[in-house]
Amino acid sequence: MTADFLALETVSVRLSGRAIVQDLSVSLPRGCLAALVGPNGAGKTTLLKAIAGLLPFEGSVRVDGRSVSEMPIRERATRLSYLPQGHVVYWPLPVRDVVALGRYPHGATDPARLGERDASAVIRAMADADVTAFADRRVTDLSGGERSRVALARALAVEAPIVLADEPIASLDPRHQLDVMRLLRRVADAGTLVVVVTHDLGLTARFADRVLVLSGGRLAAHGTPQEALTDLVLAEVFKIGAYRARVGEAEIIVPWSEA
């Protein structure tokens, strides 16, 4: 497992003349669940979009040694699966067809005529995201949480070596938050690099291998949850104090007070 499967070197992003991400360098390996955390406006979503090649940036983003900027669009879409924040589908498509959109970068343009490999990927993704039960329902008839899981299934159906998920648990109830984080943990354990933006420090501490803490567009801390989410970082970046405990090997972090 190479430590620099995804390598960012001095990445900066400016939007409307304002620096949103500044001089950020970090490397992440395959088989890793990396949580990108920070206060509102820290640059998390902007950084994720830059990694996905959806925003112009200065510096270098490389996947397995190849520059994302130099990849053809279709290749990039098969290497990095991007799940945007608040993913919305406005058309009354069956859930199965929405998930099948994840196979589009592989050349599967007609959900009704999927090859065996594409159909198997869609079935696996729906099962993993727990949406098989409503595969034939229109996605516009689902609840917000159900639609979020359908969007996650679409991202998983790509079967890319990197999954970039922007707040995938934001609209979910506690049970499905746990289910999604367990799923992303399993995806990472199977060899995929998963980068997830989240505000839940407790689930970050429980499930993430690596934590990237952003503050003002800069990398304020980086390491294991224990290394990155110290009391000092929580106080300086998040302006909070936290209650901490341990259950086996896992650390529990609960935001508890203002710093």
C-alpha atoms as a PDB file:
ATOM      1  CA  MET A   1       0.000   0.000   0.000  1.00  0.00           C
ATOM      2  CA  THR A   2       1.794   3.111  -1.227  1.00  0.00           C
ATOM      3  CA  ALA A   3       1.503   6.132   1.035  1.00  0.00           C
ATOM      4  CA  ASP A   4       1.065   8.535  -1.862  1.00  0.00           C
ATOM      5  CA  PHE A   5      -1.680   6.938  -3.977  1.00  0.00           C
ATOM      6  CA  LEU A   6      -3.373  10.344  -3.781  1.00  0.00           C
ATOM      7  CA  ALA A   7      -0.768  13.085  -3.548  1.00  0.00           C
ATOM      8  CA  LEU A   8      -1.492  16.802  -3.202  1.00  0.00           C
ATOM      9  CA  GLU A   9       1.412  19.224  -3.489  1.00  0.00           C
ATOM     10  CA  THR A  10       1.034  22.920  -2.646  1.00  0.00           C
ATOM     11  CA  VAL A  11      -2.597  22.961  -3.770  1.00  0.00           C
ATOM     12  CA  SER A  12      -4.285  26.369  -3.710  1.00  0.00           C
ATOM     13  CA  VAL A  13      -7.754  27.341  -4.924  1.00  0.00           C
ATOM     14  CA  ARG A  14      -8.992  30.872  -5.517  1.00  0.00           C
ATOM     15  CA  LEU A  15     -12.647  31.698  -6.171  1.00  0.00           C
ATOM     16  CA  SER A  16     -13.710  35.202  -7.195  1.00  0.00           C
ATOM     17  CA  GLY A  17     -10.215  36.384  -6.345  1.00  0.00           C
ATOM     18  CA  ARG A  18     -10.356  35.020  -2.796  1.00  0.00           C
ATOM     19  CA  ALA A  19      -8.036  32.292  -1.493  1.00  0.00           C
ATOM     20  CA  ILE A  20     -10.215  29.379  -0.306  1.00  0.00           C
ATOM     21  CA  VAL A  21      -7.541  26.670  -0.076  1.00  0.00           C
ATOM     22  CA  GLN A  22      -3.941  27.698   0.502  1.00  0.00           C
ATOM     23  CA  ASP A  23      -0.702  25.807  -0.117  1.00  0.00           C
ATOM     24  CA  LEU A  24      -1.988  22.402   1.000  1.00  0.00           C
ATOM     25  CA  SER A  25       0.196  19.306   0.707  1.00  0.00           C
ATOM     26  CA  VAL A  26      -0.759  15.814   1.875  1.00  0.00           C
ATOM     27  CA  SER A  27      -0.506  12.202   0.704  1.00  0.00           C
ATOM     28  CA  LEU A  28      -3.000   9.405   1.340  1.00  0.00           C
ATOM     29  CA  PRO A  29      -2.750   5.652   0.685  1.00  0.00           C
ATOM     30  CA  ARG A  30      -5.225   3.191  -0.766  1.00  0.00           C
ATOM     31  CA  GLY A  31      -7.311   1.296   1.771  1.00  0.00           C
ATOM     32  CA  CYS A  32      -7.671   4.395   3.937  1.00  0.00           C
ATOM     33  CA  LEU A  33     -10.732   6.210   5.273  1.00  0.00           C
ATOM     34  CA  ALA A  34      -9.706   9.854   5.550  1.00  0.00           C
ATOM     35  CA  ALA A  35     -12.028  12.374   7.197  1.00  0.00           C
ATOM     36  CA  LEU A  36     -11.852  16.000   6.115  1.00  0.00           C
ATOM     37  CA  VAL A  37     -13.101  18.147   8.992  1.00  0.00           C
ATOM     38  CA  GLY A  38     -13.145  21.802   9.950  1.00  0.00           C
ATOM     39  CA  PRO A  39     -15.519  24.650  10.759  1.00  0.00           C
ATOM     40  CA  ASN A  40     -17.914  26.080   8.192  1.00  0.00           C
ATOM     41  CA  GLY A  41     -16.044  27.992   5.502  1.00  0.00           C
ATOM     42  CA  ALA A  42     -12.752  26.175   6.099  1.00  0.00           C
ATOM     43  CA  GLY A  43     -12.510  25.066   2.454  1.00  0.00           C
ATOM     44  CA  LYS A  44     -13.491  21.398   2.763  1.00  0.00           C
ATOM     45  CA  THR A  45     -15.944  21.219  -0.142  1.00  0.00           C
ATOM     46  CA  THR A  46     -13.704  23.377  -2.320  1.00  0.00           C
ATOM     47  CA  LEU A  47     -10.753  21.075  -1.684  1.00  0.00           C
ATOM     48  CA  LEU A  48     -12.817  17.983  -2.478  1.00  0.00           C
ATOM     49  CA  LYS A  49     -13.968  19.520  -5.776  1.00  0.00           C
ATOM     50  CA  ALA A  50     -10.394  20.436  -6.658  1.00  0.00           C
ATOM     51  CA  ILE A  51      -9.246  16.862  -6.031  1.00  0.00           C
ATOM     52  CA  ALA A  52     -12.069  15.636  -8.276  1.00  0.00           C
ATOM     53  CA  GLY A  53     -10.910  17.988 -11.022  1.00  0.00           C
ATOM     54  CA  LEU A  54     -14.088  20.071 -10.845  1.00  0.00           C
ATOM     55  CA  LEU A  55     -12.403  23.349  -9.883  1.00  0.00           C
ATOM     56  CA  PRO A  56      -9.237  24.986 -11.212  1.00  0.00           C
ATOM     57  CA  PHE A  57      -6.332  24.953  -8.793  1.00  0.00           C
ATOM     58  CA  GLU A  58      -2.663  25.733  -8.503  1.00  0.00           C
ATOM     59  CA  GLY A  59      -0.233  23.017  -7.495  1.00  0.00           C
ATOM     60  CA  SER A  60      -0.482  19.312  -8.208  1.00  0.00           C
ATOM     61  CA  VAL A  61      -3.041  16.556  -7.575  1.00  0.00           C
ATOM     62  CA  ARG A  62      -1.831  13.097  -8.587  1.00  0.00           C
ATOM     63  CA  VAL A  63      -3.519   9.697  -8.485  1.00  0.00           C
ATOM     64  CA  ASP A  64      -1.044   6.829  -8.528  1.00  0.00           C
ATOM     65  CA  GLY A  65       1.524   9.192 -10.018  1.00  0.00           C
ATOM     66  CA  ARG A  66      -0.751  10.620 -12.733  1.00  0.00           C
ATOM     67  CA  SER A  67      -1.859  14.239 -12.774  1.00  0.00           C
ATOM     68  CA  VAL A  68      -5.630  14.619 -12.400  1.00  0.00           C
ATOM     69  CA  SER A  69      -5.471  17.741 -14.570  1.00  0.00           C
ATOM     70  CA  GLU A  70      -3.985  15.760 -17.464  1.00  0.00           C
ATOM     71  CA  MET A  71      -6.442  12.850 -17.329  1.00  0.00           C
ATOM     72  CA  PRO A  72      -9.162  12.633 -19.983  1.00  0.00           C
ATOM     73  CA  ILE A  73     -12.556  13.342 -18.419  1.00  0.00           C
ATOM     74  CA  ARG A  74     -13.809   9.770 -18.742  1.00  0.00           C
ATOM     75  CA  GLU A  75     -10.673   8.310 -17.185  1.00  0.00           C
ATOM     76  CA  ARG A  76     -10.877  10.803 -14.333  1.00  0.00           C
ATOM     77  CA  ALA A  77     -14.512   9.830 -13.739  1.00  0.00           C
ATOM     78  CA  THR A  78     -13.523   6.166 -13.408  1.00  0.00           C
ATOM     79  CA  ARG A  79     -10.631   6.941 -11.047  1.00  0.00           C
ATOM     80  CA  LEU A  80     -12.376   9.383  -8.718  1.00  0.00           C
ATOM     81  CA  SER A  81     -16.025   8.902  -7.787  1.00  0.00           C
ATOM     82  CA  TYR A  82     -17.436  12.184  -6.456  1.00  0.00           C
ATOM     83  CA  LEU A  83     -20.552  12.374  -4.271  1.00  0.00           C
ATOM     84  CA  PRO A  84     -21.595  16.037  -3.952  1.00  0.00           C
ATOM     85  CA  GLN A  85     -23.188  17.578  -0.913  1.00  0.00           C
ATOM     86  CA  GLY A  86     -26.993  17.643  -1.029  1.00  0.00           C
ATOM     87  CA  HIS A  87     -27.144  15.517  -4.186  1.00  0.00           C
ATOM     88  CA  VAL A  88     -30.589  16.036  -5.752  1.00  0.00           C
ATOM     89  CA  VAL A  89     -32.295  14.216  -8.631  1.00  0.00           C
ATOM     90  CA  TYR A  90     -35.171  16.187 -10.160  1.00  0.00           C
ATOM     91  CA  TRP A  91     -36.376  13.561 -12.624  1.00  0.00           C
ATOM     92  CA  PRO A  92     -38.775  10.754 -11.546  1.00  0.00           C
ATOM     93  CA  LEU A  93     -36.335   7.999 -12.441  1.00  0.00           C
ATOM     94  CA  PRO A  94     -36.385   4.545 -10.841  1.00  0.00           C
ATOM     95  CA  VAL A  95     -33.778   4.147  -8.130  1.00  0.00           C
ATOM     96  CA  ARG A  96     -32.116   1.368 -10.136  1.00  0.00           C
ATOM     97  CA  ASP A  97     -31.599   3.728 -13.089  1.00  0.00           C
ATOM     98  CA  VAL A  98     -30.138   6.469 -10.881  1.00  0.00           C
ATOM     99  CA  VAL A  99     -27.619   4.035  -9.413  1.00  0.00           C
ATOM    100  CA  ALA A 100     -26.811   2.807 -12.933  1.00  0.00           C
ATOM    101  CA  LEU A 101     -25.629   6.332 -13.788  1.00  0.00           C
ATOM    102  CA  GLY A 102     -22.500   5.383 -11.873  1.00  0.00           C
ATOM    103  CA  ARG A 103     -21.606   3.080 -14.753  1.00  0.00           C
ATOM    104  CA  TYR A 104     -21.807   5.843 -17.363  1.00  0.00           C
ATOM    105  CA  PRO A 105     -18.038   6.564 -17.254  1.00  0.00           C
ATOM    106  CA  HIS A 106     -17.491   2.909 -18.149  1.00  0.00           C
ATOM    107  CA  GLY A 107     -19.583   3.276 -21.305  1.00  0.00           C
ATOM    108  CA  ALA A 108     -22.924   2.015 -19.951  1.00  0.00           C
ATOM    109  CA  THR A 109     -25.193   4.699 -21.404  1.00  0.00           C
ATOM    110  CA  ASP A 110     -28.521   2.835 -21.264  1.00  0.00           C
ATOM    111  CA  PRO A 111     -29.643   1.629 -17.802  1.00  0.00           C
ATOM    112  CA  ALA A 112     -32.095  -0.761 -19.477  1.00  0.00           C
ATOM    113  CA  ARG A 113     -29.301  -2.534 -21.358  1.00  0.00           C
ATOM    114  CA  LEU A 114     -26.493  -3.074 -18.896  1.00  0.00           C
ATOM    115  CA  GLY A 115     -23.859  -5.678 -19.515  1.00  0.00           C
ATOM    116  CA  GLU A 116     -23.201  -8.340 -16.902  1.00  0.00           C
ATOM    117  CA  ARG A 117     -20.344  -6.467 -15.240  1.00  0.00           C
ATOM    118  CA  ASP A 118     -22.274  -3.189 -15.088  1.00  0.00           C
ATOM    119  CA  ALA A 119     -25.446  -4.866 -13.815  1.00  0.00           C
ATOM    120  CA  SER A 120     -23.482  -6.680 -11.104  1.00  0.00           C
ATOM    121  CA  ALA A 121     -21.867  -3.411  -9.988  1.00  0.00           C
ATOM    122  CA  VAL A 122     -25.302  -1.763  -9.702  1.00  0.00           C
ATOM    123  CA  ILE A 123     -26.726  -4.679  -7.709  1.00  0.00           C
ATOM    124  CA  ARG A 124     -23.755  -4.651  -5.316  1.00  0.00           C
ATOM    125  CA  ALA A 125     -23.928  -0.890  -4.820  1.00  0.00           C
ATOM    126  CA  MET A 126     -27.667  -0.962  -4.078  1.00  0.00           C
ATOM    127  CA  ALA A 127     -27.201  -3.775  -1.574  1.00  0.00           C
ATOM    128  CA  ASP A 128     -24.268  -2.037   0.124  1.00  0.00           C
ATOM    129  CA  ALA A 129     -26.190   1.244   0.459  1.00  0.00           C
ATOM    130  CA  ASP A 130     -29.352  -0.574   1.635  1.00  0.00           C
ATOM    131  CA  VAL A 131     -31.580   0.687  -1.183  1.00  0.00           C
ATOM    132  CA  THR A 132     -32.432  -2.609  -2.899  1.00  0.00           C
ATOM    133  CA  ALA A 133     -35.888  -2.685  -1.290  1.00  0.00           C
ATOM    134  CA  PHE A 134     -36.976   0.368  -3.273  1.00  0.00           C
ATOM    135  CA  ALA A 135     -34.978  -0.239  -6.450  1.00  0.00           C
ATOM    136  CA  ASP A 136     -38.082   0.173  -8.631  1.00  0.00           C
ATOM    137  CA  ARG A 137     -39.526   3.230  -6.873  1.00  0.00           C
ATOM    138  CA  ARG A 138     -39.120   6.710  -8.309  1.00  0.00           C
ATOM    139  CA  VAL A 139     -36.307   8.522  -6.590  1.00  0.00           C
ATOM    140  CA  THR A 140     -38.453  11.675  -6.317  1.00  0.00           C
ATOM    141  CA  ASP A 141     -40.878   9.749  -4.078  1.00  0.00           C
ATOM    142  CA  LEU A 142     -38.225   8.928  -1.483  1.00  0.00           C
ATOM    143  CA  SER A 143     -37.383  10.719   1.741  1.00  0.00           C
ATOM    144  CA  GLY A 144     -34.313  12.927   1.958  1.00  0.00           C
ATOM    145  CA  GLY A 145     -32.361  10.264   3.821  1.00  0.00           C
ATOM    146  CA  GLU A 146     -33.323   7.583   1.311  1.00  0.00           C
ATOM    147  CA  ARG A 147     -32.265   9.816  -1.574  1.00  0.00           C
ATOM    148  CA  SER A 148     -28.913  10.358   0.142  1.00  0.00           C
ATOM    149  CA  ARG A 149     -28.345   6.607   0.252  1.00  0.00           C
ATOM    150  CA  VAL A 150     -29.314   6.291  -3.419  1.00  0.00           C
ATOM    151  CA  ALA A 151     -26.726   8.955  -4.251  1.00  0.00           C
ATOM    152  CA  LEU A 152     -24.134   7.021  -2.268  1.00  0.00           C
ATOM    153  CA  ALA A 153     -25.054   3.849  -4.155  1.00  0.00           C
ATOM    154  CA  ARG A 154     -24.519   5.688  -7.445  1.00  0.00           C
ATOM    155  CA  ALA A 155     -21.063   6.779  -6.296  1.00  0.00           C
ATOM    156  CA  LEU A 156     -20.176   3.234  -5.231  1.00  0.00           C
ATOM    157  CA  ALA A 157     -21.406   1.781  -8.533  1.00  0.00           C
ATOM    158  CA  VAL A 158     -18.521   3.542 -10.290  1.00  0.00           C
ATOM    159  CA  GLU A 159     -16.157   1.162  -8.473  1.00  0.00           C
ATOM    160  CA  ALA A 160     -13.430   3.806  -8.583  1.00  0.00           C
ATOM    161  CA  PRO A 161     -10.244   3.400  -6.522  1.00  0.00           C
ATOM    162  CA  ILE A 162     -11.010   6.764  -4.859  1.00  0.00           C
ATOM    163  CA  VAL A 163     -14.373   7.836  -3.435  1.00  0.00           C
ATOM    164  CA  LEU A 164     -14.832  11.513  -2.528  1.00  0.00           C
ATOM    165  CA  ALA A 165     -17.971  11.974  -0.413  1.00  0.00           C
ATOM    166  CA  ASP A 166     -19.119  15.425   0.704  1.00  0.00           C
ATOM    167  CA  GLU A 167     -21.163  15.125   3.918  1.00  0.00           C
ATOM    168  CA  PRO A 168     -22.813  11.786   3.022  1.00  0.00           C
ATOM    169  CA  ILE A 169     -24.411  11.438   6.476  1.00  0.00           C
ATOM    170  CA  ALA A 170     -25.714  14.998   6.849  1.00  0.00           C
ATOM    171  CA  SER A 171     -29.418  14.213   6.297  1.00  0.00           C
ATOM    172  CA  LEU A 172     -29.511  10.724   7.788  1.00  0.00           C
ATOM    173  CA  ASP A 173     -30.968   9.458  11.054  1.00  0.00           C
ATOM    174  CA  PRO A 174     -28.478   8.060  13.618  1.00  0.00           C
ATOM    175  CA  ARG A 175     -28.925   4.440  12.534  1.00  0.00           C
ATOM    176  CA  HIS A 176     -28.245   5.186   8.882  1.00  0.00           C
ATOM    177  CA  GLN A 177     -25.361   7.478   9.802  1.00  0.00           C
ATOM    178  CA  LEU A 178     -23.750   4.468  11.451  1.00  0.00           C
ATOM    179  CA  ASP A 179     -24.675   2.233   8.519  1.00  0.00           C
ATOM    180  CA  VAL A 180     -23.088   4.613   6.006  1.00  0.00           C
ATOM    181  CA  MET A 181     -19.905   5.044   8.031  1.00  0.00           C
ATOM    182  CA  ARG A 182     -19.627   1.271   8.485  1.00  0.00           C
ATOM    183  CA  LEU A 183     -20.123   0.878   4.739  1.00  0.00           C
ATOM    184  CA  LEU A 184     -17.426   3.441   3.928  1.00  0.00           C
ATOM    185  CA  ARG A 185     -15.156   1.672   6.414  1.00  0.00           C
ATOM    186  CA  ARG A 186     -15.736  -1.640   4.589  1.00  0.00           C
ATOM    187  CA  VAL A 187     -15.117   0.029   1.220  1.00  0.00           C
ATOM    188  CA  ALA A 188     -11.805   1.373   2.524  1.00  0.00           C
ATOM    189  CA  ASP A 189     -10.859  -1.989   4.033  1.00  0.00           C
ATOM    190  CA  ALA A 190     -11.393  -3.541   0.586  1.00  0.00           C
ATOM    191  CA  GLY A 191      -8.665  -1.279  -0.836  1.00  0.00           C
ATOM    192  CA  THR A 192     -10.450   1.920  -1.872  1.00  0.00           C
ATOM    193  CA  LEU A 193      -9.288   5.319  -0.681  1.00  0.00           C
ATOM    194  CA  VAL A 194     -12.312   7.068   0.820  1.00  0.00           C
ATOM    195  CA  VAL A 195     -12.182  10.795   1.574  1.00  0.00           C
ATOM    196  CA  VAL A 196     -15.265  11.985   3.431  1.00  0.00           C
ATOM    197  CA  VAL A 197     -16.223  15.498   4.511  1.00  0.00           C
ATOM    198  CA  THR A 198     -18.084  15.455   7.809  1.00  0.00           C
ATOM    199  CA  HIS A 199     -18.887  17.602  10.826  1.00  0.00           C
ATOM    200  CA  ASP A 200     -19.328  14.593  13.125  1.00  0.00           C
ATOM    201  CA  LEU A 201     -16.152  14.398  15.179  1.00  0.00           C
ATOM    202  CA  GLY A 202     -17.425  11.393  17.126  1.00  0.00           C
ATOM    203  CA  LEU A 203     -17.917   9.241  14.039  1.00  0.00           C
ATOM    204  CA  THR A 204     -14.645  10.573  12.659  1.00  0.00           C
ATOM    205  CA  ALA A 205     -12.786   9.389  15.752  1.00  0.00           C
ATOM    206  CA  ARG A 206     -14.468   5.986  15.558  1.00  0.00           C
ATOM    207  CA  PHE A 207     -14.149   5.163  11.860  1.00  0.00           C
ATOM    208  CA  ALA A 208     -11.364   7.221  10.249  1.00  0.00           C
ATOM    209  CA  ASP A 209      -7.755   6.122   9.787  1.00  0.00           C
ATOM    210  CA  ARG A 210      -6.586   9.633   8.988  1.00  0.00           C
ATOM    211  CA  VAL A 211      -8.026  13.044   9.799  1.00  0.00           C
ATOM    212  CA  LEU A 212      -7.308  16.250   7.889  1.00  0.00           C
ATOM    213  CA  VAL A 213      -8.299  19.344   9.858  1.00  0.00           C
ATOM    214  CA  LEU A 214      -8.808  22.472   7.744  1.00  0.00           C
ATOM    215  CA  SER A 215      -8.906  25.978   9.132  1.00  0.00           C
ATOM    216  CA  GLY A 216      -8.996  29.079   6.961  1.00  0.00           C
ATOM    217  CA  GLY A 217      -8.128  27.003   3.903  1.00  0.00           C
ATOM    218  CA  ARG A 218      -4.959  25.619   5.454  1.00  0.00           C
ATOM    219  CA  LEU A 219      -4.123  22.213   6.887  1.00  0.00           C
ATOM    220  CA  ALA A 220      -4.156  22.818  10.641  1.00  0.00           C
ATOM    221  CA  ALA A 221      -3.590  19.203  11.690  1.00  0.00           C
ATOM    222  CA  HIS A 222      -3.175  15.804  10.038  1.00  0.00           C
ATOM    223  CA  GLY A 223      -2.759  12.297  11.374  1.00  0.00           C
ATOM    224  CA  THR A 224      -4.670   9.602  13.188  1.00  0.00           C
ATOM    225  CA  PRO A 225      -7.789  10.771  15.063  1.00  0.00           C
ATOM    226  CA  GLN A 226      -5.753  10.784  18.273  1.00  0.00           C
ATOM    227  CA  GLU A 227      -3.007  12.870  16.653  1.00  0.00           C
ATOM    228  CA  ALA A 228      -5.238  15.316  14.783  1.00  0.00           C
ATOM    229  CA  LEU A 229      -8.167  15.835  17.169  1.00  0.00           C
ATOM    230  CA  THR A 230      -6.254  16.915  20.237  1.00  0.00           C
ATOM    231  CA  ASP A 231      -7.737  19.182  22.886  1.00  0.00           C
ATOM    232  CA  LEU A 232      -5.576  22.008  21.553  1.00  0.00           C
ATOM    233  CA  VAL A 233      -6.818  21.553  17.965  1.00  0.00           C
ATOM    234  CA  LEU A 234     -10.442  21.342  19.098  1.00  0.00           C
ATOM    235  CA  ALA A 235     -10.024  24.552  21.086  1.00  0.00           C
ATOM    236  CA  GLU A 236      -8.098  26.528  18.460  1.00  0.00           C
ATOM    237  CA  VAL A 237      -9.907  25.369  15.304  1.00  0.00           C
ATOM    238  CA  PHE A 238     -13.405  24.438  16.469  1.00  0.00           C
ATOM    239  CA  LYS A 239     -13.569  26.654  19.586  1.00  0.00           C
ATOM    240  CA  ILE A 240     -14.888  23.766  21.683  1.00  0.00           C
ATOM    241  CA  GLY A 241     -13.951  21.489  24.519  1.00  0.00           C
ATOM    242  CA  ALA A 242     -14.833  17.805  24.294  1.00  0.00           C
ATOM    243  CA  TYR A 243     -15.727  14.888  26.524  1.00  0.00           C
ATOM    244  CA  ARG A 244     -13.453  11.927  25.803  1.00  0.00           C
ATOM    245  CA  ALA A 245     -13.690   8.247  26.656  1.00  0.00           C
ATOM    246  CA  ARG A 246     -12.477   4.936  25.250  1.00  0.00           C
ATOM    247  CA  VAL A 247     -14.387   1.802  24.297  1.00  0.00           C
ATOM    248  CA  GLY A 248     -11.854  -0.880  23.469  1.00  0.00           C
ATOM    249  CA  GLU A 249      -9.539   0.564  20.824  1.00  0.00           C
ATOM    250  CA  ALA A 250     -11.963   3.332  19.835  1.00  0.00           C
ATOM    251  CA  GLU A 251     -11.938   6.839  21.265  1.00  0.00           C
ATOM    252  CA  ILE A 252     -15.199   8.656  21.877  1.00  0.00           C
ATOM    253  CA  ILE A 253     -15.250  12.414  21.292  1.00  0.00           C
ATOM    254  CA  VAL A 254     -18.361  14.385  22.200  1.00  0.00           C
ATOM    255  CA  PRO A 255     -18.395  18.187  21.770  1.00  0.00           C
ATOM    256  CA  TRP A 256     -19.142  19.348  25.288  1.00  0.00           C
ATOM    257  CA  SER A 257     -18.501  23.029  25.835  1.00  0.00           C
ATOM    258  CA  GLU A 258     -17.251  26.221  24.270  1.00  0.00           C
ATOM    259  CA  ALA A 259     -13.512  26.650  24.529  1.00  0.00           C
END
